[in-house]
C-alpha atoms as a PDB file:
ATOM      1  CA  MET A   1       0.000   0.000   0.000  1.00  0.00           C
ATOM      2  CA  LEU A   2       2.865   2.336   0.744  1.00  0.00           C
ATOM      3  CA  ILE A   3       4.721   1.714  -2.534  1.00  0.00           C
ATOM      4  CA  PRO A   4       2.638   4.187  -4.622  1.00  0.00           C
ATOM      5  CA  ILE A   5       3.053   6.827  -1.907  1.00  0.00           C
ATOM      6  CA  VAL A   6       6.822   6.339  -1.789  1.00  0.00           C
ATOM      7  CA  ILE A   7       7.196   6.347  -5.590  1.00  0.00           C
ATOM      8  CA  GLY A   8       4.882   9.336  -5.853  1.00  0.00           C
ATOM      9  CA  GLY A   9       6.911  11.207  -3.252  1.00  0.00           C
ATOM     10  CA  VAL A  10      10.143  10.486  -5.135  1.00  0.00           C
ATOM     11  CA  LEU A  11       8.637  11.733  -8.419  1.00  0.00           C
ATOM     12  CA  ILE A  12       7.356  14.895  -6.751  1.00  0.00           C
ATOM     13  CA  TYR A  13      10.803  15.533  -5.240  1.00  0.00           C
ATOM     14  CA  ILE A  14      12.567  15.027  -8.580  1.00  0.00           C
ATOM     15  CA  GLY A  15      10.017  17.182 -10.370  1.00  0.00           C
ATOM     16  CA  ALA A  16      10.395  19.968  -7.814  1.00  0.00           C
ATOM     17  CA  GLN A  17      14.183  19.841  -8.218  1.00  0.00           C
ATOM     18  CA  GLU A  18      13.906  20.007 -11.995  1.00  0.00           C
ATOM     19  CA  ALA A  19      11.470  22.923 -11.742  1.00  0.00           C
ATOM     20  CA  HIS A  20      13.819  24.782  -9.409  1.00  0.00           C
ATOM     21  CA  LEU A  21      16.777  24.155 -11.715  1.00  0.00           C
ATOM     22  CA  ALA A  22      14.784  25.235 -14.780  1.00  0.00           C
ATOM     23  CA  ALA A  23      14.080  28.554 -13.070  1.00  0.00           C
ATOM     24  CA  HIS A  24      17.845  29.236 -13.173  1.00  0.00           C
ATOM     25  CA  ALA A  25      18.700  27.645 -16.526  1.00  0.00           C
ATOM     26  CA  LYS A  26      17.517  28.498 -20.030  1.00  0.00           C
ATOM     27  CA  GLU A  27      17.002  26.025 -22.864  1.00  0.00           C
ATOM     28  CA  GLN A  28      19.723  27.744 -24.907  1.00  0.00           C
ATOM     29  CA  PRO A  29      23.123  27.514 -23.165  1.00  0.00           C
ATOM     30  CA  GLN A  30      25.482  30.442 -22.816  1.00  0.00           C
ATOM     31  CA  GLN A  31      29.161  30.076 -23.713  1.00  0.00           C
ATOM     32  CA  ILE A  32      31.479  31.032 -20.878  1.00  0.00           C
ATOM     33  CA  SER A  33      35.137  30.462 -20.026  1.00  0.00           C
ATOM     34  CA  LEU A  34      36.052  28.787 -16.773  1.00  0.00           C
ATOM     35  CA  ALA A  35      37.860  31.934 -15.636  1.00  0.00           C
ATOM     36  CA  ASP A  36      34.699  34.027 -16.121  1.00  0.00           C
ATOM     37  CA  LEU A  37      32.494  31.377 -14.508  1.00  0.00           C
ATOM     38  CA  ALA A  38      34.781  31.217 -11.474  1.00  0.00           C
ATOM     39  CA  ALA A  39      34.904  35.000 -11.156  1.00  0.00           C
ATOM     40  CA  LYS A  40      31.293  35.943 -11.884  1.00  0.00           C
ATOM     41  CA  GLY A  41      29.186  32.792 -11.716  1.00  0.00           C
ATOM     42  CA  PRO A  42      26.689  31.806 -14.425  1.00  0.00           C
ATOM     43  CA  GLY A  43      24.469  34.861 -14.021  1.00  0.00           C
ATOM     44  CA  ASP A  44      20.832  34.258 -15.020  1.00  0.00           C
ATOM     45  CA  ASN A  45      21.565  31.146 -17.089  1.00  0.00           C
ATOM     46  CA  ALA A  46      23.045  28.083 -15.385  1.00  0.00           C
ATOM     47  CA  HIS A  47      22.978  26.135 -18.673  1.00  0.00           C
ATOM     48  CA  ILE A  48      26.458  26.619 -20.107  1.00  0.00           C
ATOM     49  CA  ILE A  49      28.988  25.683 -22.742  1.00  0.00           C
ATOM     50  CA  LEU A  50      32.216  25.773 -20.728  1.00  0.00           C
ATOM     51  CA  THR A  51      35.431  26.749 -22.534  1.00  0.00           C
ATOM     52  CA  ASP A  52      39.111  27.231 -21.665  1.00  0.00           C
ATOM     53  CA  TYR A  53      39.236  24.746 -18.804  1.00  0.00           C
ATOM     54  CA  LEU A  54      41.884  22.393 -17.472  1.00  0.00           C
ATOM     55  CA  LEU A  55      40.758  19.343 -15.481  1.00  0.00           C
ATOM     56  CA  CYS A  56      42.947  18.387 -12.508  1.00  0.00           C
ATOM     57  CA  GLU A  57      43.262  14.734 -13.511  1.00  0.00           C
ATOM     58  CA  PHE A  58      45.882  13.901 -10.879  1.00  0.00           C
ATOM     59  CA  ALA A  59      43.460  14.162  -7.933  1.00  0.00           C
ATOM     60  CA  PHE A  60      39.697  13.630  -8.086  1.00  0.00           C
ATOM     61  CA  VAL A  61      37.014  11.630  -6.314  1.00  0.00           C
ATOM     62  CA  TYR A  62      34.572   9.053  -7.658  1.00  0.00           C
ATOM     63  CA  GLU A  63      31.548   7.159  -6.388  1.00  0.00           C
ATOM     64  CA  GLU A  64      31.790   3.393  -6.793  1.00  0.00           C
ATOM     65  CA  LYS A  65      29.219   0.614  -6.729  1.00  0.00           C
ATOM     66  CA  ASP A  66      30.032  -3.086  -7.173  1.00  0.00           C
ATOM     67  CA  GLY A  67      33.536  -2.154  -8.314  1.00  0.00           C
ATOM     68  CA  ARG A  68      32.231   0.169 -11.025  1.00  0.00           C
ATOM     69  CA  TRP A  69      32.520   3.957 -11.153  1.00  0.00           C
ATOM     70  CA  GLN A  70      29.132   5.669 -10.969  1.00  0.00           C
ATOM     71  CA  LYS A  71      30.139   9.326 -11.181  1.00  0.00           C
ATOM     72  CA  VAL A  72      33.214  11.519 -10.804  1.00  0.00           C
ATOM     73  CA  TRP A  73      33.859  14.943  -9.278  1.00  0.00           C
ATOM     74  CA  ILE A  74      36.999  16.587 -10.609  1.00  0.00           C
ATOM     75  CA  PRO A  75      38.332  20.106  -9.923  1.00  0.00           C
ATOM     76  CA  ALA A  76      38.973  22.409 -12.878  1.00  0.00           C
ATOM     77  CA  VAL A  77      41.127  25.518 -13.312  1.00  0.00           C
ATOM     78  CA  PRO A  78      41.373  28.089 -16.123  1.00  0.00           C
ATOM     79  CA  LEU A  79      43.319  27.117 -19.216  1.00  0.00           C
ATOM     80  CA  ASP A  80      46.418  29.337 -19.462  1.00  0.00           C
ATOM     81  CA  GLY A  81      45.675  30.633 -15.966  1.00  0.00           C
ATOM     82  CA  GLU A  82      48.240  31.057 -13.200  1.00  0.00           C
ATOM     83  CA  TYR A  83      48.302  27.371 -12.268  1.00  0.00           C
ATOM     84  CA  HIS A  84      48.510  26.227 -15.879  1.00  0.00           C
ATOM     85  CA  GLN A  85      51.466  28.558 -16.406  1.00  0.00           C
ATOM     86  CA  LYS A  86      53.228  26.957 -13.437  1.00  0.00           C
ATOM     87  CA  LEU A  87      52.770  23.527 -15.005  1.00  0.00           C
ATOM     88  CA  LYS A  88      54.084  24.748 -18.354  1.00  0.00           C
ATOM     89  CA  ALA A  89      57.207  26.079 -16.636  1.00  0.00           C
ATOM     90  CA  MET A  90      57.882  22.573 -15.279  1.00  0.00           C
ATOM     91  CA  LEU A  91      57.866  20.860 -18.689  1.00  0.00           C
ATOM     92  CA  ASP A  92      61.093  19.438 -20.057  1.00  0.00           C
ATOM     93  CA  PRO A  93      61.990  19.657 -23.793  1.00  0.00           C
ATOM     94  CA  ASP A  94      59.993  16.463 -24.417  1.00  0.00           C
ATOM     95  CA  GLY A  95      56.863  17.978 -22.914  1.00  0.00           C
ATOM     96  CA  LYS A  96      56.967  15.894 -19.713  1.00  0.00           C
ATOM     97  CA  LEU A  97      56.665  17.275 -16.216  1.00  0.00           C
ATOM     98  CA  LYS A  98      59.879  17.584 -14.224  1.00  0.00           C
ATOM     99  CA  GLY A  99      59.022  16.321 -10.748  1.00  0.00           C
ATOM    100  CA  GLU A 100      55.681  16.210  -8.968  1.00  0.00           C
ATOM    101  CA  PRO A 101      53.140  18.859 -10.041  1.00  0.00           C
ATOM    102  CA  PRO A 102      52.154  21.401  -7.388  1.00  0.00           C
ATOM    103  CA  MET A 103      48.574  21.306  -6.143  1.00  0.00           C
ATOM    104  CA  PRO A 104      46.391  24.264  -7.175  1.00  0.00           C
ATOM    105  CA  ASP A 105      44.975  26.298  -4.310  1.00  0.00           C
ATOM    106  CA  ASP A 106      42.569  28.595  -6.171  1.00  0.00           C
ATOM    107  CA  ILE A 107      39.935  26.092  -7.305  1.00  0.00           C
ATOM    108  CA  ARG A 108      36.478  27.601  -7.790  1.00  0.00           C
ATOM    109  CA  VAL A 109      34.816  25.031 -10.076  1.00  0.00           C
ATOM    110  CA  ILE A 110      34.199  21.286  -9.834  1.00  0.00           C
ATOM    111  CA  VAL A 111      33.053  19.310 -12.863  1.00  0.00           C
ATOM    112  CA  LYS A 112      30.709  16.413 -12.151  1.00  0.00           C
ATOM    113  CA  LEU A 113      30.946  13.606 -14.715  1.00  0.00           C
ATOM    114  CA  PRO A 114      27.902  11.338 -14.226  1.00  0.00           C
ATOM    115  CA  ASN A 115      28.891   8.964 -17.030  1.00  0.00           C
ATOM    116  CA  ALA A 116      32.635   8.578 -16.378  1.00  0.00           C
ATOM    117  CA  ARG A 117      33.487   4.923 -15.775  1.00  0.00           C
ATOM    118  CA  ASN A 118      37.288   5.079 -16.009  1.00  0.00           C
ATOM    119  CA  ASN A 119      40.265   7.355 -16.590  1.00  0.00           C
ATOM    120  CA  ASP A 120      39.767   7.198 -20.351  1.00  0.00           C
ATOM    121  CA  ASP A 121      36.316   8.784 -19.982  1.00  0.00           C
ATOM    122  CA  ILE A 122      37.858  11.593 -17.933  1.00  0.00           C
ATOM    123  CA  GLY A 123      40.553  12.006 -20.561  1.00  0.00           C
ATOM    124  CA  LYS A 124      37.970  12.475 -23.330  1.00  0.00           C
ATOM    125  CA  VAL A 125      36.350  15.341 -21.444  1.00  0.00           C
ATOM    126  CA  ALA A 126      39.740  16.826 -20.555  1.00  0.00           C
ATOM    127  CA  GLU A 127      40.845  16.829 -24.181  1.00  0.00           C
ATOM    128  CA  ALA A 128      37.646  18.388 -25.542  1.00  0.00           C
ATOM    129  CA  ASP A 129      37.536  22.105 -26.334  1.00  0.00           C
ATOM    130  CA  THR A 130      34.138  22.644 -24.720  1.00  0.00           C
ATOM    131  CA  LEU A 131      31.893  21.058 -22.118  1.00  0.00           C
ATOM    132  CA  GLN A 132      28.107  21.378 -22.089  1.00  0.00           C
ATOM    133  CA  GLY A 133      26.374  21.194 -18.733  1.00  0.00           C
ATOM    134  CA  VAL A 134      24.424  22.928 -15.992  1.00  0.00           C
ATOM    135  CA  VAL A 135      25.619  24.638 -12.811  1.00  0.00           C
ATOM    136  CA  VAL A 136      23.631  22.618 -10.264  1.00  0.00           C
ATOM    137  CA  ASN A 137      24.416  24.403  -6.993  1.00  0.00           C
ATOM    138  CA  SER A 138      20.781  25.498  -6.645  1.00  0.00           C
ATOM    139  CA  ILE A 139      19.744  21.853  -6.093  1.00  0.00           C
ATOM    140  CA  GLU A 140      22.926  19.992  -5.211  1.00  0.00           C
ATOM    141  CA  SER A 141      26.056  20.289  -3.103  1.00  0.00           C
ATOM    142  CA  LEU A 142      29.181  18.222  -2.691  1.00  0.00           C
ATOM    143  CA  GLY A 143      28.667  15.374  -0.219  1.00  0.00           C
ATOM    144  CA  SER A 144      30.639  15.371   3.031  1.00  0.00           C
ATOM    145  CA  LYS A 145      32.540  12.218   2.063  1.00  0.00           C
ATOM    146  CA  GLU A 146      33.517  13.546  -1.366  1.00  0.00           C
ATOM    147  CA  LYS A 147      34.402  16.925   0.119  1.00  0.00           C
ATOM    148  CA  LYS A 148      36.735  15.340   2.687  1.00  0.00           C
ATOM    149  CA  ILE A 149      38.551  13.266   0.059  1.00  0.00           C
ATOM    150  CA  LEU A 150      39.098  16.318  -2.121  1.00  0.00           C
ATOM    151  CA  GLN A 151      40.110  18.395   0.896  1.00  0.00           C
ATOM    152  CA  ASP A 152      42.852  15.896   1.701  1.00  0.00           C
ATOM    153  CA  SER A 153      44.325  16.445  -1.777  1.00  0.00           C
ATOM    154  CA  TYR A 154      43.709  20.189  -1.905  1.00  0.00           C
ATOM    155  CA  PRO A 155      43.978  21.352   1.733  1.00  0.00           C
ATOM    156  CA  ARG A 156      43.915  25.084   0.916  1.00  0.00           C
ATOM    157  CA  VAL A 157      40.692  24.966  -1.122  1.00  0.00           C
ATOM    158  CA  ASP A 158      37.238  25.724   0.318  1.00  0.00           C
ATOM    159  CA  PHE A 159      35.118  23.187  -1.549  1.00  0.00           C
ATOM    160  CA  GLY A 160      31.971  24.416   0.162  1.00  0.00           C
ATOM    161  CA  THR A 161      32.007  27.509  -2.051  1.00  0.00           C
ATOM    162  CA  CYS A 162      32.854  25.854  -5.373  1.00  0.00           C
ATOM    163  CA  LEU A 163      30.478  25.875  -8.318  1.00  0.00           C
ATOM    164  CA  ILE A 164      29.463  22.404  -9.522  1.00  0.00           C
ATOM    165  CA  VAL A 165      28.991  21.912 -13.269  1.00  0.00           C
ATOM    166  CA  GLU A 166      27.246  18.654 -14.177  1.00  0.00           C
ATOM    167  CA  GLU A 167      28.524  17.624 -17.595  1.00  0.00           C
ATOM    168  CA  GLY A 168      25.891  16.578 -20.123  1.00  0.00           C
ATOM    169  CA  ARG A 169      22.906  17.804 -18.100  1.00  0.00           C
ATOM    170  CA  ARG A 170      20.198  19.955 -19.664  1.00  0.00           C
ATOM    171  CA  PRO A 171      17.225  21.765 -18.107  1.00  0.00           C
ATOM    172  CA  ALA A 172      14.138  19.544 -18.113  1.00  0.00           C
ATOM    173  CA  SER A 173      11.360  20.553 -20.486  1.00  0.00           C
ATOM    174  CA  PHE A 174       8.038  21.845 -19.160  1.00  0.00           C
ATOM    175  CA  ALA A 175       6.370  18.602 -20.248  1.00  0.00           C
ATOM    176  CA  LYS A 176       8.863  16.496 -18.301  1.00  0.00           C
ATOM    177  CA  ARG A 177       8.534  18.642 -15.182  1.00  0.00           C
ATOM    178  CA  ALA A 178       4.745  18.545 -15.379  1.00  0.00           C
ATOM    179  CA  GLY A 179       4.809  14.792 -15.936  1.00  0.00           C
ATOM    180  CA  LEU A 180       6.999  14.176 -12.909  1.00  0.00           C
ATOM    181  CA  LEU A 181       4.977  16.419 -10.606  1.00  0.00           C
ATOM    182  CA  GLY A 182       1.575  15.340 -11.940  1.00  0.00           C
ATOM    183  CA  GLY A 183       2.449  11.651 -11.980  1.00  0.00           C
ATOM    184  CA  GLY A 184       3.870  11.871  -8.486  1.00  0.00           C
ATOM    185  CA  ILE A 185       0.781  13.565  -7.108  1.00  0.00           C
ATOM    186  CA  VAL A 186      -1.550  11.005  -8.735  1.00  0.00           C
ATOM    187  CA  LEU A 187       0.469   8.057  -7.405  1.00  0.00           C
ATOM    188  CA  ALA A 188       0.633   9.556  -3.933  1.00  0.00           C
ATOM    189  CA  LEU A 189      -3.131  10.199  -3.876  1.00  0.00           C
ATOM    190  CA  VAL A 190      -3.884   6.669  -5.094  1.00  0.00           C
ATOM    191  CA  GLY A 191      -1.609   5.245  -2.412  1.00  0.00           C
ATOM    192  CA  ILE A 192      -3.219   7.352   0.287  1.00  0.00           C
ATOM    193  CA  GLY A 193      -6.670   6.289  -0.932  1.00  0.00           C
ATOM    194  CA  TRP A 194      -5.758   2.601  -0.776  1.00  0.00           C
ATOM    195  CA  LEU A 195      -4.248   3.068   2.672  1.00  0.00           C
ATOM    196  CA  LEU A 196      -7.368   4.793   4.032  1.00  0.00           C
ATOM    197  CA  LEU A 197      -9.601   2.132   2.505  1.00  0.00           C
ATOM    198  CA  SER A 198      -7.576  -0.673   4.070  1.00  0.00           C
ATOM    199  CA  LEU A 199      -7.672   1.048   7.451  1.00  0.00           C
ATOM    200  CA  ARG A 200     -11.460   1.336   7.263  1.00  0.00           C
ATOM    201  CA  LYS A 201     -11.832  -2.339   6.398  1.00  0.00           C
ATOM    202  CA  SER A 202      -9.597  -3.386   9.295  1.00  0.00           C
ATOM    203  CA  ALA A 203     -11.403  -1.131  11.778  1.00  0.00           C
END
């Protein structure tokens, strides 16, 4: 009897999240560099095409289930920014780093990769010129476990203030939002009706 209520509640929650996100994100994405995003935020459109970014592939955190990556959170810094220039200065004539790379301490953006299953998937995103996604801070924050792992690698960074860009995400259409909310409400009402009916019969 409780299953329709639970499922309905989940659909209503997801629909409310999508509606809240859609209020901050337009269907048409805006193009913005990572440096500008870090400095100014996404403004009135959280749906973005991110450019000029460098993923910090040497230290990131992933969620795992049954030995399989489920999603990845990886810090990003501006391409040709201060940290990138430091790395360039450490390259030998063959283009390889001399010694261990320093850890950046001015991270303002984290890229969430929901479909990354291995390092090769991260590499594909790192090598691309642009990244489409949505800044999801209005509905999501970094979990305490993920934040601690990242903090251990980047001790001078305040990850509680970082923007989170979910790669590949798009604002839900009005039809999808209405379907989630409407379907959730119907299921919840049906479940409540069945529950009340069963309570009357058992009384």
